[in-house]
Amino acid sequence: MSIRPRKTPYANYIIIAANVLLFILSYHLYKNRITGQPEYLRPWAEILVLTPQKYHLHLWQFVSYAFLHGGFMHILGNMYFLYLFGNNVNDKLGNVGYIAFYLAGAIFSGIGHCVLSSSPVLGASGAVAAVTGAYLVLFPQTLISVIWWIFFFINTIEISALYFIAFKLIIFDNFLEPRLTNQPAAIAYTAHIAGYSFGIISITIMLATKLINSTHFDLWDMIRQWNRRRQFRDAVSSGFDPFSATSKFVKAKEVKKTPAQQKAEEESTQLRLEISNRITERNLPEAAEAFLKLMAHDSEQILPRQQLLDIANQLAGQNRHKEATQAYEQFLKHYKTYEYSEQVELMLGIIYARYLNQTEKAIKHLKEAEIKLTDTNQLRMCRDELARLRQ
């Protein structure tokens, strides 16, 4: 796994410990005296199994079944994947949110199983599938090391979580493998599919509605980037010049440029390339200098969102306040839908108030930030600054 949780995932450890403890208390391999068939649970634990039949179904079973297991390999496999994927999901959702999500995953996978099957079911695999589906959405670009072997040759390969979970764990394990095996396995595929569906859909909705913060690496942002690229391609194919804020949709062949215009365009392109190269090298001071040259040469040029934000932050960090406000203002003008725009508004308000003595602009941006800010410390800072300016 290429990422680690920032905080100790206590909730995931508690859930794993609860599963192991209940397994120890409930597991007992013996033969049924009446049927002669092997049984895996002590008699008192039978009532905790999720049994879809009408007269045996109880509401608590939609949670209790997810803490029972039918053997050592059963619990070992489930707890391994819960540990593998659950720690980072726990870190993202927080301890309370993660426990609620895990239990909801167990409930929804149990409901899915009851709708599509009449067989009794036990095990954490449905809830683990929900957690794995959440990981797919939150961390699709992380790398997972997979062991492979051919005869005596053993090696590892790194596969992105998106492909490993989507194609191996979901499609192959639940749709292809059952059709390839001759004997039906005692595996609750319906619970798995319901769990994966719940995890993927619920976390995507949370990201889309901003109940949890999106990043530049989650599946929701990947979808939005794909959509932006699609819109960009459509615009360019219609003759739109993406590097000019005043450009119009005109056919490229209809525009005739003078030698001076061509030279100016080449200079702008060179400066944009230099900015991109310096940012790739993480040489932000030189990237900021190239940006200021670009603005002096053609103030209508627009940089990609993250590049412009990095440069604005760099200028602010260098105490070049006037230039920083120019970059931040351009950012807000062209990237109004940025998910953390309130933090840019706060930064602009602070700079205008404390360093440039432009009270009206400071109040305007601080008011915008106050409406959207959710971080308690940032909101307090914003209100304190507004109160000081209004005195």
Protein backbone atom coordinates (compact mmCIF):
# COMPACT_ATOMS: atom_id res chain seq x y z
CA MET A 1 0.00 0.00 0.00
CA SER A 2 1.51 3.33 -1.11
CA ILE A 3 -0.22 5.51 1.52
CA ARG A 4 -0.50 5.37 5.28
CA PRO A 5 -3.13 6.90 7.58
CA ARG A 6 -2.13 10.19 9.19
CA LYS A 7 -3.75 9.26 12.50
CA THR A 8 -4.05 5.97 14.38
CA PRO A 9 -7.20 4.24 13.02
CA TYR A 10 -8.62 3.31 16.44
CA ALA A 11 -12.12 2.57 15.13
CA ASN A 12 -10.83 0.01 12.63
CA TYR A 13 -8.73 -1.67 15.31
CA ILE A 14 -11.79 -1.83 17.60
CA ILE A 15 -13.92 -3.42 14.86
CA ILE A 16 -11.20 -5.98 14.09
CA ALA A 17 -10.82 -6.78 17.80
CA ALA A 18 -14.62 -7.17 18.17
CA ASN A 19 -14.70 -9.60 15.23
CA VAL A 20 -11.83 -11.65 16.62
CA LEU A 21 -13.30 -11.71 20.13
CA LEU A 22 -16.75 -12.80 18.98
CA PHE A 23 -15.17 -15.42 16.74
CA ILE A 24 -13.28 -16.88 19.70
CA LEU A 25 -16.44 -16.92 21.81
CA SER A 26 -18.80 -18.31 19.15
CA TYR A 27 -16.72 -20.68 17.00
CA HIS A 28 -16.99 -24.36 17.82
CA LEU A 29 -16.59 -27.08 15.21
CA TYR A 30 -18.76 -30.12 15.92
CA LYS A 31 -21.20 -32.49 14.21
CA ASN A 32 -24.91 -31.92 14.53
CA ARG A 33 -26.40 -34.92 16.39
CA ILE A 34 -29.52 -34.90 14.25
CA THR A 35 -28.22 -34.19 10.75
CA GLY A 36 -24.64 -35.38 11.19
CA GLN A 37 -23.45 -32.28 9.33
CA PRO A 38 -20.56 -30.15 10.61
CA GLU A 39 -21.58 -27.04 12.55
CA TYR A 40 -19.36 -24.03 13.15
CA LEU A 41 -21.12 -22.03 15.83
CA ARG A 42 -22.01 -22.65 19.42
CA PRO A 43 -25.78 -23.03 19.86
CA TRP A 44 -26.21 -19.63 21.57
CA ALA A 45 -24.75 -17.86 18.50
CA GLU A 46 -27.16 -19.40 15.97
CA ILE A 47 -29.72 -16.66 16.61
CA LEU A 48 -27.15 -14.07 15.48
CA VAL A 49 -26.92 -15.49 11.94
CA LEU A 50 -28.87 -13.53 9.29
CA THR A 51 -31.64 -15.88 8.18
CA PRO A 52 -33.82 -14.51 5.36
CA GLN A 53 -36.74 -16.86 6.11
CA LYS A 54 -39.74 -14.92 7.39
CA TYR A 55 -40.11 -16.56 10.82
CA HIS A 56 -36.39 -16.59 11.62
CA LEU A 57 -35.49 -13.04 10.56
CA HIS A 58 -34.80 -10.44 13.28
CA LEU A 59 -33.66 -6.84 12.89
CA TRP A 60 -30.55 -7.25 15.03
CA GLN A 61 -29.32 -9.96 12.68
CA PHE A 62 -28.52 -7.31 10.05
CA VAL A 63 -25.65 -6.23 12.32
CA SER A 64 -24.84 -9.32 14.38
CA TYR A 65 -24.24 -11.60 11.37
CA ALA A 66 -21.31 -9.39 10.32
CA PHE A 67 -19.37 -10.29 13.50
CA LEU A 68 -19.62 -14.07 13.07
CA HIS A 69 -17.32 -16.29 11.02
CA GLY A 70 -17.37 -19.92 9.97
CA GLY A 71 -13.68 -20.76 10.27
CA PHE A 72 -10.16 -19.49 10.69
CA MET A 73 -9.56 -18.79 7.00
CA HIS A 74 -12.90 -16.99 6.83
CA ILE A 75 -12.06 -14.49 9.57
CA LEU A 76 -8.39 -14.25 8.54
CA GLY A 77 -9.30 -13.22 4.98
CA ASN A 78 -11.93 -10.70 6.08
CA MET A 79 -9.77 -9.11 8.75
CA TYR A 80 -6.78 -8.90 6.42
CA PHE A 81 -8.72 -6.89 3.83
CA LEU A 82 -10.39 -4.83 6.55
CA TYR A 83 -6.97 -3.92 7.90
CA LEU A 84 -5.59 -3.32 4.40
CA PHE A 85 -8.32 -0.94 3.24
CA GLY A 86 -10.05 0.11 6.44
CA ASN A 87 -7.21 2.05 8.07
CA ASN A 88 -7.14 4.81 5.44
CA VAL A 89 -10.94 4.94 5.15
CA ASN A 90 -11.06 5.32 8.94
CA ASP A 91 -8.55 8.15 8.68
CA LYS A 92 -10.73 9.93 6.08
CA LEU A 93 -14.10 9.48 7.80
CA GLY A 94 -12.99 9.81 11.42
CA ASN A 95 -13.62 7.24 14.14
CA VAL A 96 -17.34 7.86 14.69
CA GLY A 97 -18.07 8.27 10.99
CA TYR A 98 -16.15 5.11 10.14
CA ILE A 99 -18.00 2.96 12.69
CA ALA A 100 -21.34 4.30 11.41
CA PHE A 101 -20.27 3.62 7.81
CA TYR A 102 -19.09 0.08 8.64
CA LEU A 103 -22.35 -0.81 10.38
CA ALA A 104 -24.38 0.75 7.55
CA GLY A 105 -22.35 -1.34 5.09
CA ALA A 106 -23.19 -4.48 7.04
CA ILE A 107 -26.90 -3.57 7.07
CA PHE A 108 -27.13 -2.75 3.37
CA SER A 109 -25.17 -5.82 2.29
CA GLY A 110 -27.46 -7.91 4.51
CA ILE A 111 -30.53 -6.34 2.90
CA GLY A 112 -29.09 -7.00 -0.55
CA HIS A 113 -28.50 -10.63 0.36
CA CYS A 114 -32.04 -11.09 1.72
CA VAL A 115 -33.57 -9.59 -1.42
CA LEU A 116 -31.64 -11.88 -3.77
CA SER A 117 -31.11 -15.03 -1.70
CA SER A 118 -32.88 -17.17 0.88
CA SER A 119 -29.76 -18.78 2.34
CA PRO A 120 -28.52 -17.93 5.85
CA VAL A 121 -25.41 -15.77 5.86
CA LEU A 122 -22.69 -14.81 8.32
CA GLY A 123 -19.38 -13.02 8.08
CA ALA A 124 -17.96 -9.51 7.77
CA SER A 125 -17.35 -9.77 4.03
CA GLY A 126 -20.33 -7.58 3.09
CA ALA A 127 -19.24 -4.80 5.44
CA VAL A 128 -15.61 -5.23 4.33
CA ALA A 129 -16.80 -4.95 0.71
CA ALA A 130 -18.43 -1.62 1.61
CA VAL A 131 -15.16 -0.39 3.12
CA THR A 132 -13.26 -1.62 0.05
CA GLY A 133 -15.71 0.19 -2.23
CA ALA A 134 -15.14 3.35 -0.19
CA TYR A 135 -11.38 2.93 -0.61
CA LEU A 136 -11.86 2.59 -4.38
CA VAL A 137 -13.58 5.99 -4.47
CA LEU A 138 -11.32 7.80 -1.99
CA PHE A 139 -7.91 6.44 -3.01
CA PRO A 140 -8.16 5.04 -6.58
CA GLN A 141 -4.63 6.08 -7.55
CA THR A 142 -2.77 4.41 -4.68
CA LEU A 143 -0.57 1.45 -5.53
CA ILE A 144 -1.09 -2.06 -4.14
CA SER A 145 1.71 -4.63 -4.26
CA VAL A 146 0.40 -7.97 -5.56
CA ILE A 147 2.36 -11.23 -5.40
CA TRP A 148 2.30 -13.43 -8.52
CA TRP A 149 4.00 -16.67 -9.33
CA ILE A 150 4.50 -19.05 -12.27
CA PHE A 151 5.79 -22.44 -11.17
CA PHE A 152 8.88 -21.56 -9.11
CA PHE A 153 9.12 -17.91 -10.15
CA ILE A 154 7.72 -15.49 -7.58
CA ASN A 155 7.62 -11.74 -7.92
CA THR A 156 5.50 -8.69 -7.07
CA ILE A 157 3.77 -6.12 -9.23
CA GLU A 158 2.24 -2.80 -8.26
CA ILE A 159 -1.34 -2.21 -9.44
CA SER A 160 -3.46 0.87 -8.84
CA ALA A 161 -6.28 0.38 -6.35
CA LEU A 162 -8.80 1.36 -9.03
CA TYR A 163 -7.95 -1.61 -11.25
CA PHE A 164 -7.21 -4.11 -8.49
CA ILE A 165 -10.48 -3.53 -6.65
CA ALA A 166 -12.69 -2.98 -9.69
CA PHE A 167 -11.48 -5.85 -11.84
CA LYS A 168 -10.08 -8.40 -9.40
CA LEU A 169 -12.09 -8.05 -6.21
CA ILE A 170 -15.42 -6.99 -7.72
CA ILE A 171 -15.73 -8.30 -11.30
CA PHE A 172 -13.56 -11.42 -11.21
CA ASP A 173 -14.28 -12.64 -7.67
CA ASN A 174 -18.03 -12.07 -7.78
CA PHE A 175 -19.07 -12.42 -11.42
CA LEU A 176 -16.48 -14.49 -13.31
CA GLU A 177 -15.11 -16.92 -10.70
CA PRO A 178 -18.56 -18.35 -9.74
CA ARG A 179 -19.11 -19.25 -13.40
CA LEU A 180 -15.67 -20.82 -13.80
CA THR A 181 -15.92 -23.18 -10.81
CA ASN A 182 -17.71 -26.50 -11.18
CA GLN A 183 -18.92 -26.73 -7.61
CA PRO A 184 -20.92 -23.85 -6.08
CA ALA A 185 -19.01 -22.30 -3.19
CA ALA A 186 -20.67 -21.31 0.06
CA ILE A 187 -19.94 -17.63 -0.57
CA ALA A 188 -22.50 -14.84 -0.25
CA TYR A 189 -21.80 -13.13 -3.57
CA THR A 190 -25.00 -11.11 -3.30
CA ALA A 191 -23.87 -9.62 0.01
CA HIS A 192 -20.50 -8.74 -1.53
CA ILE A 193 -22.06 -6.98 -4.51
CA ALA A 194 -24.50 -5.08 -2.28
CA GLY A 195 -21.61 -4.03 -0.01
CA TYR A 196 -19.42 -2.81 -2.88
CA SER A 197 -22.39 -0.92 -4.36
CA PHE A 198 -23.18 0.75 -1.05
CA GLY A 199 -19.57 1.77 -0.44
CA ILE A 200 -19.01 3.19 -3.92
CA ILE A 201 -22.33 5.02 -4.24
CA SER A 202 -22.52 6.44 -0.71
CA ILE A 203 -18.95 7.80 -0.67
CA THR A 204 -19.36 9.29 -4.16
CA ILE A 205 -22.50 11.09 -2.97
CA MET A 206 -20.67 12.36 0.12
CA LEU A 207 -17.87 13.75 -2.05
CA ALA A 208 -20.28 15.29 -4.55
CA THR A 209 -22.30 16.99 -1.79
CA LYS A 210 -19.10 17.95 0.13
CA LEU A 211 -20.10 16.03 3.25
CA ILE A 212 -16.48 14.89 3.14
CA ASN A 213 -13.67 16.88 1.55
CA SER A 214 -12.62 15.93 -1.96
CA THR A 215 -8.95 15.80 -2.95
CA HIS A 216 -7.15 15.90 -6.27
CA PHE A 217 -6.71 12.13 -6.11
CA ASP A 218 -10.16 10.67 -5.42
CA LEU A 219 -12.52 9.17 -7.98
CA TRP A 220 -14.94 12.10 -7.89
CA ASP A 221 -12.16 14.52 -8.81
CA MET A 222 -10.98 12.15 -11.55
CA ILE A 223 -14.50 12.22 -13.02
CA ARG A 224 -14.58 16.02 -12.86
CA GLN A 225 -11.17 16.26 -14.50
CA TRP A 226 -12.32 13.94 -17.26
CA ASN A 227 -15.38 16.11 -17.79
CA ARG A 228 -13.26 19.27 -17.91
CA ARG A 229 -10.95 17.66 -20.49
CA ARG A 230 -13.99 16.65 -22.54
CA GLN A 231 -15.33 20.21 -22.44
CA PHE A 232 -11.88 21.55 -23.29
CA ARG A 233 -11.57 19.26 -26.32
CA ASP A 234 -15.04 20.26 -27.50
CA ALA A 235 -14.17 23.93 -27.10
CA VAL A 236 -10.84 23.65 -28.92
CA SER A 237 -12.44 21.71 -31.77
CA SER A 238 -14.76 24.69 -32.22
CA GLY A 239 -11.82 27.08 -32.60
CA PHE A 240 -11.66 28.35 -29.01
CA ASP A 241 -8.29 29.70 -27.84
CA PRO A 242 -7.89 28.33 -24.26
CA PHE A 243 -4.98 30.65 -23.43
CA SER A 244 -6.85 33.90 -23.86
CA ALA A 245 -9.56 35.17 -21.51
CA THR A 246 -11.08 37.31 -24.27
CA SER A 247 -11.08 34.66 -26.99
CA LYS A 248 -14.24 33.81 -28.85
CA PHE A 249 -15.45 30.73 -30.61
CA VAL A 250 -14.14 31.36 -34.10
CA LYS A 251 -12.74 29.07 -36.72
CA ALA A 252 -8.97 28.97 -36.52
CA LYS A 253 -8.57 29.17 -40.28
CA GLU A 254 -10.44 32.50 -40.32
CA VAL A 255 -7.91 34.20 -37.98
CA LYS A 256 -4.92 35.75 -39.69
CA LYS A 257 -2.12 36.77 -37.34
CA THR A 258 0.47 39.43 -38.00
CA PRO A 259 4.16 38.66 -37.41
CA ALA A 260 4.00 40.74 -34.20
CA GLN A 261 1.03 38.74 -32.95
CA GLN A 262 2.77 35.47 -33.76
CA LYS A 263 5.90 36.61 -31.91
CA ALA A 264 3.84 37.64 -28.87
CA GLU A 265 2.06 34.29 -28.88
CA GLU A 266 5.37 32.42 -29.05
CA GLU A 267 6.73 34.42 -26.11
CA SER A 268 3.60 33.64 -24.07
CA THR A 269 3.93 29.96 -24.90
CA GLN A 270 7.58 29.96 -23.83
CA LEU A 271 6.73 31.61 -20.52
CA ARG A 272 3.88 29.17 -19.86
CA LEU A 273 6.22 26.27 -20.61
CA GLU A 274 8.82 27.70 -18.24
CA ILE A 275 6.20 28.03 -15.48
CA SER A 276 5.10 24.44 -15.98
CA ASN A 277 8.68 23.14 -15.93
CA ARG A 278 9.61 25.12 -12.80
CA ILE A 279 6.51 23.87 -10.95
CA THR A 280 7.28 20.28 -11.98
CA GLU A 281 10.75 20.78 -10.50
CA ARG A 282 9.08 22.33 -7.38
CA ASN A 283 11.08 25.48 -8.05
CA LEU A 284 8.23 27.80 -7.10
CA PRO A 285 10.28 31.03 -6.75
CA GLU A 286 11.35 30.88 -10.41
CA ALA A 287 7.84 29.79 -11.44
CA ALA A 288 6.47 32.91 -9.70
CA GLU A 289 8.99 35.12 -11.53
CA ALA A 290 7.99 33.61 -14.87
CA PHE A 291 4.33 34.19 -13.99
CA LEU A 292 4.94 37.89 -13.34
CA LYS A 293 6.75 38.18 -16.68
CA LEU A 294 3.78 36.48 -18.35
CA MET A 295 1.33 38.89 -16.74
CA ALA A 296 3.45 41.87 -17.81
CA HIS A 297 3.57 40.48 -21.32
CA ASP A 298 -0.11 39.45 -21.56
CA SER A 299 -2.35 39.86 -18.53
CA GLU A 300 -5.15 37.87 -20.22
CA GLN A 301 -3.24 34.60 -20.00
CA ILE A 302 -4.81 31.97 -17.71
CA LEU A 303 -2.82 29.25 -15.98
CA PRO A 304 -4.24 25.86 -14.92
CA ARG A 305 -5.94 25.97 -11.54
CA GLN A 306 -3.33 24.28 -9.36
CA GLN A 307 -0.42 26.10 -11.01
CA LEU A 308 -2.05 29.47 -10.42
CA LEU A 309 -2.86 28.63 -6.79
CA ASP A 310 0.70 27.42 -6.11
CA ILE A 311 2.14 30.62 -7.55
CA ALA A 312 -0.27 32.84 -5.60
CA ASN A 313 0.70 31.04 -2.37
CA GLN A 314 4.39 31.41 -3.25
CA LEU A 315 4.06 35.16 -3.82
CA ALA A 316 2.19 35.55 -0.54
CA GLY A 317 4.92 33.58 1.23
CA GLN A 318 7.54 35.93 -0.25
CA ASN A 319 5.58 38.93 1.15
CA ARG A 320 5.00 40.21 -2.39
CA HIS A 321 1.51 41.16 -1.40
CA LYS A 322 0.44 43.23 -4.40
CA GLU A 323 1.50 40.51 -6.85
CA ALA A 324 -0.10 37.82 -4.66
CA THR A 325 -3.47 39.60 -4.70
CA GLN A 326 -3.26 39.83 -8.50
CA ALA A 327 -2.79 36.06 -8.70
CA TYR A 328 -5.49 35.28 -6.12
CA GLU A 329 -7.98 37.65 -7.80
CA GLN A 330 -7.34 35.99 -11.14
CA PHE A 331 -7.80 32.61 -9.50
CA LEU A 332 -11.22 33.53 -8.06
CA LYS A 333 -12.29 35.10 -11.34
CA HIS A 334 -11.63 32.00 -13.44
CA TYR A 335 -12.07 29.18 -10.90
CA LYS A 336 -15.21 30.20 -9.01
CA THR A 337 -16.24 26.60 -8.33
CA TYR A 338 -13.00 25.66 -6.53
CA GLU A 339 -14.03 23.62 -3.48
CA TYR A 340 -11.83 25.62 -1.09
CA SER A 341 -12.50 29.07 -2.53
CA GLU A 342 -13.38 30.37 0.95
CA GLN A 343 -9.75 29.92 2.00
CA VAL A 344 -8.60 31.99 -0.98
CA GLU A 345 -11.16 34.65 -0.01
CA LEU A 346 -9.81 34.64 3.55
CA MET A 347 -6.22 34.99 2.35
CA LEU A 348 -7.13 37.90 0.10
CA GLY A 349 -9.04 39.61 2.91
CA ILE A 350 -6.09 39.28 5.31
CA ILE A 351 -3.59 40.63 2.76
CA TYR A 352 -5.78 43.59 1.80
CA ALA A 353 -6.44 44.41 5.46
CA ARG A 354 -3.02 43.95 7.03
CA TYR A 355 -0.55 44.75 4.27
CA LEU A 356 -2.20 46.87 1.57
CA ASN A 357 -4.61 48.93 3.72
CA GLN A 358 -7.48 48.44 1.28
CA THR A 359 -10.33 48.17 3.76
CA GLU A 360 -13.24 47.91 1.32
CA LYS A 361 -11.70 45.04 -0.64
CA ALA A 362 -10.69 43.33 2.60
CA ILE A 363 -14.23 43.47 3.99
CA LYS A 364 -15.68 42.21 0.70
CA HIS A 365 -13.49 39.10 0.64
CA LEU A 366 -13.77 38.43 4.37
CA LYS A 367 -17.58 38.52 4.12
CA GLU A 368 -17.45 35.97 1.30
CA ALA A 369 -15.13 33.78 3.37
CA GLU A 370 -17.31 34.04 6.49
CA ILE A 371 -20.31 32.60 4.63
CA LYS A 372 -18.47 29.47 3.47
CA LEU A 373 -15.82 28.74 6.11
CA THR A 374 -16.31 25.57 8.17
CA ASP A 375 -12.98 25.39 10.00
CA THR A 376 -13.50 26.86 13.50
CA ASN A 377 -10.08 28.52 13.76
CA GLN A 378 -10.27 30.07 10.30
CA LEU A 379 -13.79 31.32 10.95
CA ARG A 380 -12.69 32.94 14.23
CA MET A 381 -9.75 34.60 12.47
CA CYS A 382 -12.08 35.90 9.76
CA ARG A 383 -14.58 37.36 12.23
CA ASP A 384 -11.86 38.91 14.38
CA GLU A 385 -10.40 40.65 11.34
CA LEU A 386 -13.83 41.89 10.25
CA ALA A 387 -14.51 43.24 13.75
CA ARG A 388 -11.17 45.07 13.74
CA LEU A 389 -11.86 46.64 10.34
CA ARG A 390 -15.33 47.84 11.37
CA GLN A 391 -14.14 49.64 14.48
